[in-house]
Amino acid sequence: MAEQYDLAAKDIERLKANAKRRLELRNEFLKQQSDPFRHASGEGGHVFDPAIQRFGAMRLSSFEHFKANAKNVRTGLFCVVIPLAATMYIFKTQRERDEEKYRTGQVAYKDRRFKFI
């Protein structure tokens, strides 16, 4: 590895450990990939990667890992509850206003929007 003078010793050690881990994983993959008897192990001819298996299992059960927090509640409130409540209030007040006009006779039947004839 080339010398890095602008990094702290802790960062250099972390990079070296990551490079070592990558090399180990690469060698393990190549060993499994070139194994002539891998079809006999029942894996279907592919290299089993436990990290990908964990990731797939996590994606399937992500609902169990959902945690409600202030951001989630705020998003749901502003995107669903408040627009729905505002729309319901507008429809309700408009309908009550129209019904009041119809019941007091301010609007003739022929001029109503919704009539049976």
PDB file of N, CA and C in Angstrom:
ATOM      1  N   MET A   1       0.848  -1.178   0.000  1.00  0.00           N
ATOM      2  CA  MET A   1       0.000   0.000   0.000  1.00  0.00           C
ATOM      3  C   MET A   1       0.890   1.236   0.000  1.00  0.00           C
ATOM      4  N   ALA A   2       0.509   2.220  -0.779  1.00  0.00           N
ATOM      5  CA  ALA A   2       1.299   3.450  -0.859  1.00  0.00           C
ATOM      6  C   ALA A   2       1.199   4.204   0.463  1.00  0.00           C
ATOM      7  N   GLU A   3       2.242   4.934   0.773  1.00  0.00           N
ATOM      8  CA  GLU A   3       2.256   5.704   2.014  1.00  0.00           C
ATOM      9  C   GLU A   3       1.277   6.871   1.915  1.00  0.00           C
ATOM     10  N   GLN A   4       0.522   7.039   2.962  1.00  0.00           N
ATOM     11  CA  GLN A   4      -0.438   8.144   3.054  1.00  0.00           C
ATOM     12  C   GLN A   4      -0.014   9.004   4.246  1.00  0.00           C
ATOM     13  N   TYR A   5       0.518  10.170   3.960  1.00  0.00           N
ATOM     14  CA  TYR A   5       1.014  11.016   5.037  1.00  0.00           C
ATOM     15  C   TYR A   5      -0.056  11.936   5.603  1.00  0.00           C
ATOM     16  N   ASP A   6      -1.190  12.077   4.912  1.00  0.00           N
ATOM     17  CA  ASP A   6      -2.212  12.990   5.403  1.00  0.00           C
ATOM     18  C   ASP A   6      -3.276  12.264   6.224  1.00  0.00           C
ATOM     19  N   LEU A   7      -3.052  10.990   6.578  1.00  0.00           N
ATOM     20  CA  LEU A   7      -4.012  10.226   7.356  1.00  0.00           C
ATOM     21  C   LEU A   7      -3.451   9.944   8.741  1.00  0.00           C
ATOM     22  N   ALA A   8      -4.352   9.825   9.690  1.00  0.00           N
ATOM     23  CA  ALA A   8      -3.948   9.474  11.046  1.00  0.00           C
ATOM     24  C   ALA A   8      -3.590   7.993  11.091  1.00  0.00           C
ATOM     25  N   ALA A   9      -2.853   7.609  12.108  1.00  0.00           N
ATOM     26  CA  ALA A   9      -2.420   6.215  12.235  1.00  0.00           C
ATOM     27  C   ALA A   9      -3.617   5.289  12.390  1.00  0.00           C
ATOM     28  N   LYS A  10      -4.648   5.757  13.085  1.00  0.00           N
ATOM     29  CA  LYS A  10      -5.855   4.944  13.271  1.00  0.00           C
ATOM     30  C   LYS A  10      -6.542   4.683  11.932  1.00  0.00           C
ATOM     31  N   ASP A  11      -6.589   5.704  11.066  1.00  0.00           N
ATOM     32  CA  ASP A  11      -7.212   5.549   9.750  1.00  0.00           C
ATOM     33  C   ASP A  11      -6.406   4.594   8.870  1.00  0.00           C
ATOM     34  N   ILE A  12      -5.093   4.676   8.955  1.00  0.00           N
ATOM     35  CA  ILE A  12      -4.240   3.779   8.165  1.00  0.00           C
ATOM     36  C   ILE A  12      -4.451   2.337   8.607  1.00  0.00           C
ATOM     37  N   GLU A  13      -4.534   2.106   9.913  1.00  0.00           N
ATOM     38  CA  GLU A  13      -4.770   0.759  10.426  1.00  0.00           C
ATOM     39  C   GLU A  13      -6.130   0.235   9.969  1.00  0.00           C
ATOM     40  N   ARG A  14      -7.143   1.101   9.971  1.00  0.00           N
ATOM     41  CA  ARG A  14      -8.477   0.707   9.525  1.00  0.00           C
ATOM     42  C   ARG A  14      -8.455   0.339   8.042  1.00  0.00           C
ATOM     43  N   LEU A  15      -7.753   1.121   7.233  1.00  0.00           N
ATOM     44  CA  LEU A  15      -7.652   0.824   5.807  1.00  0.00           C
ATOM     45  C   LEU A  15      -6.922  -0.493   5.560  1.00  0.00           C
ATOM     46  N   LYS A  16      -5.858  -0.728   6.340  1.00  0.00           N
ATOM     47  CA  LYS A  16      -5.133  -1.987   6.194  1.00  0.00           C
ATOM     48  C   LYS A  16      -6.009  -3.172   6.599  1.00  0.00           C
ATOM     49  N   ALA A  17      -6.780  -3.019   7.657  1.00  0.00           N
ATOM     50  CA  ALA A  17      -7.673  -4.099   8.097  1.00  0.00           C
ATOM     51  C   ALA A  17      -8.752  -4.358   7.042  1.00  0.00           C
ATOM     52  N   ASN A  18      -9.290  -3.301   6.453  1.00  0.00           N
ATOM     53  CA  ASN A  18     -10.292  -3.466   5.390  1.00  0.00           C
ATOM     54  C   ASN A  18      -9.691  -4.166   4.178  1.00  0.00           C
ATOM     55  N   ALA A  19      -8.465  -3.804   3.819  1.00  0.00           N
ATOM     56  CA  ALA A  19      -7.813  -4.440   2.671  1.00  0.00           C
ATOM     57  C   ALA A  19      -7.557  -5.920   2.954  1.00  0.00           C
ATOM     58  N   LYS A  20      -7.171  -6.238   4.184  1.00  0.00           N
ATOM     59  CA  LYS A  20      -6.931  -7.622   4.554  1.00  0.00           C
ATOM     60  C   LYS A  20      -8.233  -8.421   4.509  1.00  0.00           C
ATOM     61  N   ARG A  21      -9.296  -7.850   5.027  1.00  0.00           N
ATOM     62  CA  ARG A  21     -10.606  -8.520   5.009  1.00  0.00           C
ATOM     63  C   ARG A  21     -11.091  -8.731   3.569  1.00  0.00           C
ATOM     64  N   ARG A  22     -10.907  -7.719   2.717  1.00  0.00           N
ATOM     65  CA  ARG A  22     -11.286  -7.839   1.301  1.00  0.00           C
ATOM     66  C   ARG A  22     -10.518  -8.975   0.627  1.00  0.00           C
ATOM     67  N   LEU A  23      -9.230  -9.074   0.925  1.00  0.00           N
ATOM     68  CA  LEU A  23      -8.398 -10.121   0.339  1.00  0.00           C
ATOM     69  C   LEU A  23      -8.859 -11.499   0.811  1.00  0.00           C
ATOM     70  N   GLU A  24      -9.190 -11.624   2.101  1.00  0.00           N
ATOM     71  CA  GLU A  24      -9.689 -12.900   2.622  1.00  0.00           C
ATOM     72  C   GLU A  24     -11.003 -13.279   1.955  1.00  0.00           C
ATOM     73  N   LEU A  25     -11.911 -12.320   1.825  1.00  0.00           N
ATOM     74  CA  LEU A  25     -13.189 -12.603   1.176  1.00  0.00           C
ATOM     75  C   LEU A  25     -12.998 -12.988  -0.290  1.00  0.00           C
ATOM     76  N   ARG A  26     -12.087 -12.306  -0.961  1.00  0.00           N
ATOM     77  CA  ARG A  26     -11.812 -12.608  -2.376  1.00  0.00           C
ATOM     78  C   ARG A  26     -11.263 -14.018  -2.522  1.00  0.00           C
ATOM     79  N   ASN A  27     -10.312 -14.365  -1.664  1.00  0.00           N
ATOM     80  CA  ASN A  27      -9.737 -15.708  -1.739  1.00  0.00           C
ATOM     81  C   ASN A  27     -10.778 -16.781  -1.435  1.00  0.00           C
ATOM     82  N   GLU A  28     -11.648 -16.537  -0.459  1.00  0.00           N
ATOM     83  CA  GLU A  28     -12.711 -17.492  -0.132  1.00  0.00           C
ATOM     84  C   GLU A  28     -13.676 -17.640  -1.301  1.00  0.00           C
ATOM     85  N   PHE A  29     -14.038 -16.522  -1.937  1.00  0.00           N
ATOM     86  CA  PHE A  29     -14.921 -16.573  -3.103  1.00  0.00           C
ATOM     87  C   PHE A  29     -14.296 -17.374  -4.230  1.00  0.00           C
ATOM     88  N   LEU A  30     -13.014 -17.094  -4.524  1.00  0.00           N
ATOM     89  CA  LEU A  30     -12.344 -17.822  -5.598  1.00  0.00           C
ATOM     90  C   LEU A  30     -12.230 -19.316  -5.272  1.00  0.00           C
ATOM     91  N   LYS A  31     -12.012 -19.642  -4.006  1.00  0.00           N
ATOM     92  CA  LYS A  31     -11.921 -21.041  -3.602  1.00  0.00           C
ATOM     93  C   LYS A  31     -13.260 -21.740  -3.819  1.00  0.00           C
ATOM     94  N   GLN A  32     -14.350 -21.095  -3.407  1.00  0.00           N
ATOM     95  CA  GLN A  32     -15.670 -21.692  -3.590  1.00  0.00           C
ATOM     96  C   GLN A  32     -16.070 -21.726  -5.067  1.00  0.00           C
ATOM     97  N   GLN A  33     -15.713 -20.701  -5.808  1.00  0.00           N
ATOM     98  CA  GLN A  33     -16.088 -20.613  -7.214  1.00  0.00           C
ATOM     99  C   GLN A  33     -15.385 -21.687  -8.046  1.00  0.00           C
ATOM    100  N   SER A  34     -14.163 -21.991  -7.691  1.00  0.00           N
ATOM    101  CA  SER A  34     -13.402 -22.954  -8.484  1.00  0.00           C
ATOM    102  C   SER A  34     -13.487 -24.372  -7.923  1.00  0.00           C
ATOM    103  N   ASP A  35     -14.328 -24.615  -6.927  1.00  0.00           N
ATOM    104  CA  ASP A  35     -14.481 -25.944  -6.341  1.00  0.00           C
ATOM    105  C   ASP A  35     -15.228 -26.843  -7.331  1.00  0.00           C
ATOM    106  N   PRO A  36     -14.608 -27.908  -7.814  1.00  0.00           N
ATOM    107  CA  PRO A  36     -15.290 -28.760  -8.807  1.00  0.00           C
ATOM    108  C   PRO A  36     -16.427 -29.579  -8.205  1.00  0.00           C
ATOM    109  N   PHE A  37     -16.507 -29.697  -6.886  1.00  0.00           N
ATOM    110  CA  PHE A  37     -17.531 -30.520  -6.232  1.00  0.00           C
ATOM    111  C   PHE A  37     -18.633 -29.680  -5.604  1.00  0.00           C
ATOM    112  N   ARG A  38     -18.733 -28.428  -5.951  1.00  0.00           N
ATOM    113  CA  ARG A  38     -19.730 -27.574  -5.295  1.00  0.00           C
ATOM    114  C   ARG A  38     -21.160 -27.961  -5.660  1.00  0.00           C
ATOM    115  N   HIS A  39     -21.359 -28.617  -6.826  1.00  0.00           N
ATOM    116  CA  HIS A  39     -22.705 -29.032  -7.185  1.00  0.00           C
ATOM    117  C   HIS A  39     -23.210 -30.130  -6.260  1.00  0.00           C
ATOM    118  N   ALA A  40     -22.305 -30.865  -5.622  1.00  0.00           N
ATOM    119  CA  ALA A  40     -22.706 -31.952  -4.736  1.00  0.00           C
ATOM    120  C   ALA A  40     -23.145 -31.435  -3.377  1.00  0.00           C
ATOM    121  N   SER A  41     -22.859 -30.189  -3.060  1.00  0.00           N
ATOM    122  CA  SER A  41     -23.179 -29.673  -1.731  1.00  0.00           C
ATOM    123  C   SER A  41     -24.628 -29.219  -1.618  1.00  0.00           C
ATOM    124  N   GLY A  42     -25.383 -29.259  -2.728  1.00  0.00           N
ATOM    125  CA  GLY A  42     -26.793 -28.877  -2.665  1.00  0.00           C
ATOM    126  C   GLY A  42     -27.040 -27.394  -2.760  1.00  0.00           C
ATOM    127  N   GLU A  43     -26.032 -26.607  -3.071  1.00  0.00           N
ATOM    128  CA  GLU A  43     -26.201 -25.156  -3.145  1.00  0.00           C
ATOM    129  C   GLU A  43     -26.660 -24.706  -4.525  1.00  0.00           C
ATOM    130  N   GLY A  44     -26.844 -25.621  -5.450  1.00  0.00           N
ATOM    131  CA  GLY A  44     -27.336 -25.251  -6.758  1.00  0.00           C
ATOM    132  C   GLY A  44     -26.288 -24.653  -7.666  1.00  0.00           C
ATOM    133  N   GLY A  45     -25.020 -24.775  -7.338  1.00  0.00           N
ATOM    134  CA  GLY A  45     -23.980 -24.306  -8.225  1.00  0.00           C
ATOM    135  C   GLY A  45     -23.575 -22.869  -8.030  1.00  0.00           C
ATOM    136  N   HIS A  46     -24.113 -22.179  -7.057  1.00  0.00           N
ATOM    137  CA  HIS A  46     -23.711 -20.790  -6.836  1.00  0.00           C
ATOM    138  C   HIS A  46     -22.976 -20.671  -5.504  1.00  0.00           C
ATOM    139  N   VAL A  47     -22.249 -19.598  -5.367  1.00  0.00           N
ATOM    140  CA  VAL A  47     -21.503 -19.357  -4.135  1.00  0.00           C
ATOM    141  C   VAL A  47     -22.450 -18.725  -3.119  1.00  0.00           C
ATOM    142  N   PHE A  48     -22.576 -19.344  -1.965  1.00  0.00           N
ATOM    143  CA  PHE A  48     -23.444 -18.822  -0.914  1.00  0.00           C
ATOM    144  C   PHE A  48     -22.729 -17.703  -0.183  1.00  0.00           C
ATOM    145  N   ASP A  49     -23.365 -16.541  -0.133  1.00  0.00           N
ATOM    146  CA  ASP A  49     -22.798 -15.394   0.565  1.00  0.00           C
ATOM    147  C   ASP A  49     -23.691 -15.080   1.757  1.00  0.00           C
ATOM    148  N   PRO A  50     -23.212 -15.305   2.980  1.00  0.00           N
ATOM    149  CA  PRO A  50     -24.068 -15.071   4.144  1.00  0.00           C
ATOM    150  C   PRO A  50     -24.480 -13.604   4.294  1.00  0.00           C
ATOM    151  N   ALA A  51     -23.654 -12.680   3.836  1.00  0.00           N
ATOM    152  CA  ALA A  51     -24.018 -11.260   3.954  1.00  0.00           C
ATOM    153  C   ALA A  51     -25.206 -10.938   3.060  1.00  0.00           C
ATOM    154  N   ILE A  52     -25.218 -11.474   1.846  1.00  0.00           N
ATOM    155  CA  ILE A  52     -26.356 -11.252   0.952  1.00  0.00           C
ATOM    156  C   ILE A  52     -27.592 -11.935   1.504  1.00  0.00           C
ATOM    157  N   GLN A  53     -27.444 -13.102   2.097  1.00  0.00           N
ATOM    158  CA  GLN A  53     -28.578 -13.795   2.709  1.00  0.00           C
ATOM    159  C   GLN A  53     -29.155 -12.973   3.852  1.00  0.00           C
ATOM    160  N   ARG A  54     -28.302 -12.406   4.705  1.00  0.00           N
ATOM    161  CA  ARG A  54     -28.779 -11.563   5.806  1.00  0.00           C
ATOM    162  C   ARG A  54     -29.498 -10.334   5.272  1.00  0.00           C
ATOM    163  N   PHE A  55     -28.929  -9.729   4.221  1.00  0.00           N
ATOM    164  CA  PHE A  55     -29.543  -8.538   3.639  1.00  0.00           C
ATOM    165  C   PHE A  55     -30.926  -8.861   3.078  1.00  0.00           C
ATOM    166  N   GLY A  56     -31.039  -9.968   2.361  1.00  0.00           N
ATOM    167  CA  GLY A  56     -32.335 -10.346   1.810  1.00  0.00           C
ATOM    168  C   GLY A  56     -33.348 -10.648   2.896  1.00  0.00           C
ATOM    169  N   ALA A  57     -32.922 -11.334   3.949  1.00  0.00           N
ATOM    170  CA  ALA A  57     -33.829 -11.630   5.056  1.00  0.00           C
ATOM    171  C   ALA A  57     -34.252 -10.356   5.756  1.00  0.00           C
ATOM    172  N   MET A  58     -33.346  -9.397   5.892  1.00  0.00           N
ATOM    173  CA  MET A  58     -33.687  -8.126   6.527  1.00  0.00           C
ATOM    174  C   MET A  58     -34.695  -7.362   5.685  1.00  0.00           C
ATOM    175  N   ARG A  59     -34.533  -7.404   4.348  1.00  0.00           N
ATOM    176  CA  ARG A  59     -35.457  -6.682   3.471  1.00  0.00           C
ATOM    177  C   ARG A  59     -36.862  -7.274   3.555  1.00  0.00           C
ATOM    178  N   LEU A  60     -36.952  -8.592   3.730  1.00  0.00           N
ATOM    179  CA  LEU A  60     -38.263  -9.223   3.816  1.00  0.00           C
ATOM    180  C   LEU A  60     -38.956  -8.907   5.127  1.00  0.00           C
ATOM    181  N   SER A  61     -38.197  -8.759   6.184  1.00  0.00           N
ATOM    182  CA  SER A  61     -38.796  -8.525   7.496  1.00  0.00           C
ATOM    183  C   SER A  61     -38.503  -7.121   7.990  1.00  0.00           C
ATOM    184  N   SER A  62     -38.449  -6.150   7.093  1.00  0.00           N
ATOM    185  CA  SER A  62     -38.079  -4.798   7.516  1.00  0.00           C
ATOM    186  C   SER A  62     -39.158  -4.156   8.373  1.00  0.00           C
ATOM    187  N   PHE A  63     -40.415  -4.628   8.266  1.00  0.00           N
ATOM    188  CA  PHE A  63     -41.482  -4.042   9.071  1.00  0.00           C
ATOM    189  C   PHE A  63     -41.208  -4.231  10.553  1.00  0.00           C
ATOM    190  N   GLU A  64     -40.607  -5.351  10.912  1.00  0.00           N
ATOM    191  CA  GLU A  64     -40.333  -5.615  12.321  1.00  0.00           C
ATOM    192  C   GLU A  64     -39.265  -4.675  12.872  1.00  0.00           C
ATOM    193  N   HIS A  65     -38.470  -4.065  12.001  1.00  0.00           N
ATOM    194  CA  HIS A  65     -37.408  -3.177  12.447  1.00  0.00           C
ATOM    195  C   HIS A  65     -37.823  -1.713  12.383  1.00  0.00           C
ATOM    196  N   PHE A  66     -39.092  -1.450  12.028  1.00  0.00           N
ATOM    197  CA  PHE A  66     -39.566  -0.067  11.938  1.00  0.00           C
ATOM    198  C   PHE A  66     -39.700   0.504  13.340  1.00  0.00           C
ATOM    199  N   LYS A  67     -39.168   1.697  13.530  1.00  0.00           N
ATOM    200  CA  LYS A  67     -39.292   2.375  14.814  1.00  0.00           C
ATOM    201  C   LYS A  67     -39.932   3.726  14.582  1.00  0.00           C
ATOM    202  N   ALA A  68     -41.022   3.970  15.271  1.00  0.00           N
ATOM    203  CA  ALA A  68     -41.684   5.263  15.151  1.00  0.00           C
ATOM    204  C   ALA A  68     -40.851   6.308  15.886  1.00  0.00           C
ATOM    205  N   ASN A  69     -40.608   7.412  15.205  1.00  0.00           N
ATOM    206  CA  ASN A  69     -39.918   8.522  15.842  1.00  0.00           C
ATOM    207  C   ASN A  69     -40.593   9.819  15.417  1.00  0.00           C
ATOM    208  N   ALA A  70     -40.081  10.929  15.859  1.00  0.00           N
ATOM    209  CA  ALA A  70     -40.725  12.212  15.604  1.00  0.00           C
ATOM    210  C   ALA A  70     -40.784  12.524  14.107  1.00  0.00           C
ATOM    211  N   LYS A  71     -39.758  12.178  13.371  1.00  0.00           N
ATOM    212  CA  LYS A  71     -39.749  12.459  11.929  1.00  0.00           C
ATOM    213  C   LYS A  71     -40.820  11.648  11.203  1.00  0.00           C
ATOM    214  N   ASN A  72     -40.964  10.354  11.558  1.00  0.00           N
ATOM    215  CA  ASN A  72     -41.993   9.525  10.932  1.00  0.00           C
ATOM    216  C   ASN A  72     -43.388  10.045  11.237  1.00  0.00           C
ATOM    217  N   VAL A  73     -43.610  10.419  12.485  1.00  0.00           N
ATOM    218  CA  VAL A  73     -44.923  10.921  12.880  1.00  0.00           C
ATOM    219  C   VAL A  73     -45.217  12.229  12.166  1.00  0.00           C
ATOM    220  N   ARG A  74     -44.253  13.106  12.100  1.00  0.00           N
ATOM    221  CA  ARG A  74     -44.442  14.394  11.432  1.00  0.00           C
ATOM    222  C   ARG A  74     -44.724  14.211   9.939  1.00  0.00           C
ATOM    223  N   THR A  75     -44.004  13.307   9.309  1.00  0.00           N
ATOM    224  CA  THR A  75     -44.223  13.046   7.887  1.00  0.00           C
ATOM    225  C   THR A  75     -45.625  12.506   7.647  1.00  0.00           C
ATOM    226  N   GLY A  76     -46.045  11.544   8.438  1.00  0.00           N
ATOM    227  CA  GLY A  76     -47.395  11.002   8.297  1.00  0.00           C
ATOM    228  C   GLY A  76     -48.460  12.039   8.569  1.00  0.00           C
ATOM    229  N   LEU A  77     -48.220  12.881   9.552  1.00  0.00           N
ATOM    230  CA  LEU A  77     -49.192  13.910   9.899  1.00  0.00           C
ATOM    231  C   LEU A  77     -49.342  14.924   8.770  1.00  0.00           C
ATOM    232  N   PHE A  78     -48.228  15.399   8.240  1.00  0.00           N
ATOM    233  CA  PHE A  78     -48.296  16.439   7.198  1.00  0.00           C
ATOM    234  C   PHE A  78     -48.675  15.887   5.826  1.00  0.00           C
ATOM    235  N   CYS A  79     -48.376  14.623   5.562  1.00  0.00           N
ATOM    236  CA  CYS A  79     -48.671  14.065   4.237  1.00  0.00           C
ATOM    237  C   CYS A  79     -50.032  13.384   4.155  1.00  0.00           C
ATOM    238  N   VAL A  80     -50.575  12.941   5.290  1.00  0.00           N
ATOM    239  CA  VAL A  80     -51.822  12.182   5.241  1.00  0.00           C
ATOM    240  C   VAL A  80     -52.920  12.832   6.072  1.00  0.00           C
ATOM    241  N   VAL A  81     -52.683  13.014   7.333  1.00  0.00           N
ATOM    242  CA  VAL A  81     -53.747  13.405   8.251  1.00  0.00           C
ATOM    243  C   VAL A  81     -54.218  14.829   7.991  1.00  0.00           C
ATOM    244  N   ILE A  82     -53.328  15.781   7.931  1.00  0.00           N
ATOM    245  CA  ILE A  82     -53.737  17.184   7.766  1.00  0.00           C
ATOM    246  C   ILE A  82     -54.407  17.421   6.408  1.00  0.00           C
ATOM    247  N   PRO A  83     -53.867  16.952   5.270  1.00  0.00           N
ATOM    248  CA  PRO A  83     -54.586  17.151   4.010  1.00  0.00           C
ATOM    249  C   PRO A  83     -55.961  16.477   3.991  1.00  0.00           C
ATOM    250  N   LEU A  84     -56.059  15.282   4.570  1.00  0.00           N
ATOM    251  CA  LEU A  84     -57.341  14.591   4.617  1.00  0.00           C
ATOM    252  C   LEU A  84     -58.340  15.352   5.476  1.00  0.00           C
ATOM    253  N   ALA A  85     -57.915  15.822   6.636  1.00  0.00           N
ATOM    254  CA  ALA A  85     -58.807  16.582   7.520  1.00  0.00           C
ATOM    255  C   ALA A  85     -59.222  17.897   6.870  1.00  0.00           C
ATOM    256  N   ALA A  86     -58.303  18.581   6.200  1.00  0.00           N
ATOM    257  CA  ALA A  86     -58.636  19.839   5.533  1.00  0.00           C
ATOM    258  C   ALA A  86     -59.634  19.617   4.406  1.00  0.00           C
ATOM    259  N   THR A  87     -59.443  18.566   3.626  1.00  0.00           N
ATOM    260  CA  THR A  87     -60.380  18.261   2.544  1.00  0.00           C
ATOM    261  C   THR A  87     -61.752  17.918   3.096  1.00  0.00           C
ATOM    262  N   MET A  88     -61.797  17.127   4.141  1.00  0.00           N
ATOM    263  CA  MET A  88     -63.080  16.785   4.755  1.00  0.00           C
ATOM    264  C   MET A  88     -63.777  18.033   5.297  1.00  0.00           C
ATOM    265  N   TYR A  89     -63.034  18.913   5.927  1.00  0.00           N
ATOM    266  CA  TYR A  89     -63.623  20.142   6.476  1.00  0.00           C
ATOM    267  C   TYR A  89     -64.185  21.019   5.362  1.00  0.00           C
ATOM    268  N   ILE A  90     -63.447  21.160   4.263  1.00  0.00           N
ATOM    269  CA  ILE A  90     -63.920  21.991   3.143  1.00  0.00           C
ATOM    270  C   ILE A  90     -65.201  21.404   2.559  1.00  0.00           C
ATOM    271  N   PHE A  91     -65.233  20.088   2.315  1.00  0.00           N
ATOM    272  CA  PHE A  91     -66.435  19.464   1.769  1.00  0.00           C
ATOM    273  C   PHE A  91     -67.615  19.597   2.720  1.00  0.00           C
ATOM    274  N   LYS A  92     -67.360  19.407   4.001  1.00  0.00           N
ATOM    275  CA  LYS A  92     -68.436  19.463   4.992  1.00  0.00           C
ATOM    276  C   LYS A  92     -69.021  20.867   5.078  1.00  0.00           C
ATOM    277  N   THR A  93     -68.175  21.881   5.164  1.00  0.00           N
ATOM    278  CA  THR A  93     -68.696  23.246   5.281  1.00  0.00           C
ATOM    279  C   THR A  93     -69.402  23.682   4.001  1.00  0.00           C
ATOM    280  N   GLN A  94     -68.892  23.285   2.846  1.00  0.00           N
ATOM    281  CA  GLN A  94     -69.552  23.637   1.588  1.00  0.00           C
ATOM    282  C   GLN A  94     -70.918  22.966   1.497  1.00  0.00           C
ATOM    283  N   ARG A  95     -70.981  21.705   1.889  1.00  0.00           N
ATOM    284  CA  ARG A  95     -72.259  20.997   1.835  1.00  0.00           C
ATOM    285  C   ARG A  95     -73.253  21.598   2.825  1.00  0.00           C
ATOM    286  N   GLU A  96     -72.810  21.920   4.029  1.00  0.00           N
ATOM    287  CA  GLU A  96     -73.716  22.536   5.011  1.00  0.00           C
ATOM    288  C   GLU A  96     -74.222  23.891   4.529  1.00  0.00           C
ATOM    289  N   ARG A  97     -73.334  24.663   3.891  1.00  0.00           N
ATOM    290  CA  ARG A  97     -73.746  25.968   3.363  1.00  0.00           C
ATOM    291  C   ARG A  97     -74.803  25.804   2.269  1.00  0.00           C
ATOM    292  N   ASP A  98     -74.566  24.859   1.352  1.00  0.00           N
ATOM    293  CA  ASP A  98     -75.533  24.620   0.280  1.00  0.00           C
ATOM    294  C   ASP A  98     -76.847  24.081   0.834  1.00  0.00           C
ATOM    295  N   GLU A  99     -76.773  23.143   1.777  1.00  0.00           N
ATOM    296  CA  GLU A  99     -77.993  22.598   2.381  1.00  0.00           C
ATOM    297  C   GLU A  99     -78.803  23.676   3.084  1.00  0.00           C
ATOM    298  N   GLU A 100     -78.126  24.590   3.748  1.00  0.00           N
ATOM    299  CA  GLU A 100     -78.834  25.688   4.425  1.00  0.00           C
ATOM    300  C   GLU A 100     -79.560  26.567   3.412  1.00  0.00           C
ATOM    301  N   LYS A 101     -78.922  26.837   2.287  1.00  0.00           N
ATOM    302  CA  LYS A 101     -79.571  27.635   1.236  1.00  0.00           C
ATOM    303  C   LYS A 101     -80.765  26.890   0.643  1.00  0.00           C
ATOM    304  N   TYR A 102     -80.629  25.574   0.434  1.00  0.00           N
ATOM    305  CA  TYR A 102     -81.730  24.796  -0.120  1.00  0.00           C
ATOM    306  C   TYR A 102     -82.908  24.757   0.853  1.00  0.00           C
ATOM    307  N   ARG A 103     -82.636  24.552   2.141  1.00  0.00           N
ATOM    308  CA  ARG A 103     -83.710  24.410   3.132  1.00  0.00           C
ATOM    309  C   ARG A 103     -84.434  25.725   3.406  1.00  0.00           C
ATOM    310  N   THR A 104     -83.739  26.829   3.287  1.00  0.00           N
ATOM    311  CA  THR A 104     -84.405  28.122   3.533  1.00  0.00           C
ATOM    312  C   THR A 104     -85.066  28.673   2.281  1.00  0.00           C
ATOM    313  N   GLY A 105     -84.892  27.984   1.148  1.00  0.00           N
ATOM    314  CA  GLY A 105     -85.560  28.420  -0.073  1.00  0.00           C
ATOM    315  C   GLY A 105     -84.825  29.494  -0.846  1.00  0.00           C
ATOM    316  N   GLN A 106     -83.558  29.723  -0.557  1.00  0.00           N
ATOM    317  CA  GLN A 106     -82.801  30.755  -1.265  1.00  0.00           C
ATOM    318  C   GLN A 106     -82.425  30.304  -2.678  1.00  0.00           C
ATOM    319  N   VAL A 107     -82.410  28.980  -2.913  1.00  0.00           N
ATOM    320  CA  VAL A 107     -82.084  28.444  -4.229  1.00  0.00           C
ATOM    321  C   VAL A 107     -83.289  27.647  -4.711  1.00  0.00           C
ATOM    322  N   ALA A 108     -83.777  27.979  -5.907  1.00  0.00           N
ATOM    323  CA  ALA A 108     -84.908  27.247  -6.467  1.00  0.00           C
ATOM    324  C   ALA A 108     -84.470  25.839  -6.853  1.00  0.00           C
ATOM    325  N   TYR A 109     -85.452  24.924  -6.898  1.00  0.00           N
ATOM    326  CA  TYR A 109     -85.136  23.536  -7.209  1.00  0.00           C
ATOM    327  C   TYR A 109     -84.505  23.403  -8.589  1.00  0.00           C
ATOM    328  N   LYS A 110     -84.970  24.199  -9.533  1.00  0.00           N
ATOM    329  CA  LYS A 110     -84.439  24.107 -10.900  1.00  0.00           C
ATOM    330  C   LYS A 110     -82.991  24.573 -10.982  1.00  0.00           C
ATOM    331  N   ASP A 111     -82.542  25.351 -10.012  1.00  0.00           N
ATOM    332  CA  ASP A 111     -81.163  25.876 -10.028  1.00  0.00           C
ATOM    333  C   ASP A 111     -80.198  25.032  -9.197  1.00  0.00           C
ATOM    334  N   ARG A 112     -80.681  24.002  -8.540  1.00  0.00           N
ATOM    335  CA  ARG A 112     -79.800  23.145  -7.719  1.00  0.00           C
ATOM    336  C   ARG A 112     -78.883  22.318  -8.603  1.00  0.00           C
ATOM    337  N   ARG A 113     -77.712  22.031  -8.095  1.00  0.00           N
ATOM    338  CA  ARG A 113     -76.729  21.239  -8.866  1.00  0.00           C
ATOM    339  C   ARG A 113     -77.129  19.784  -8.952  1.00  0.00           C
ATOM    340  N   PHE A 114     -77.540  19.195  -7.858  1.00  0.00           N
ATOM    341  CA  PHE A 114     -77.884  17.772  -7.829  1.00  0.00           C
ATOM    342  C   PHE A 114     -79.380  17.652  -7.597  1.00  0.00           C
ATOM    343  N   LYS A 115     -80.114  17.263  -8.633  1.00  0.00           N
ATOM    344  CA  LYS A 115     -81.551  17.069  -8.520  1.00  0.00           C
ATOM    345  C   LYS A 115     -81.933  15.767  -9.190  1.00  0.00           C
ATOM    346  N   PHE A 116     -83.115  15.275  -8.871  1.00  0.00           N
ATOM    347  CA  PHE A 116     -83.529  13.961  -9.346  1.00  0.00           C
ATOM    348  C   PHE A 116     -84.110  13.977 -10.752  1.00  0.00           C
ATOM    349  N   ILE A 117     -84.509  15.119 -11.265  1.00  0.00           N
ATOM    350  CA  ILE A 117     -85.141  15.186 -12.586  1.00  0.00           C
ATOM    351  C   ILE A 117     -84.162  15.654 -13.626  1.00  0.00           C
TER     352      ILE A 117
END
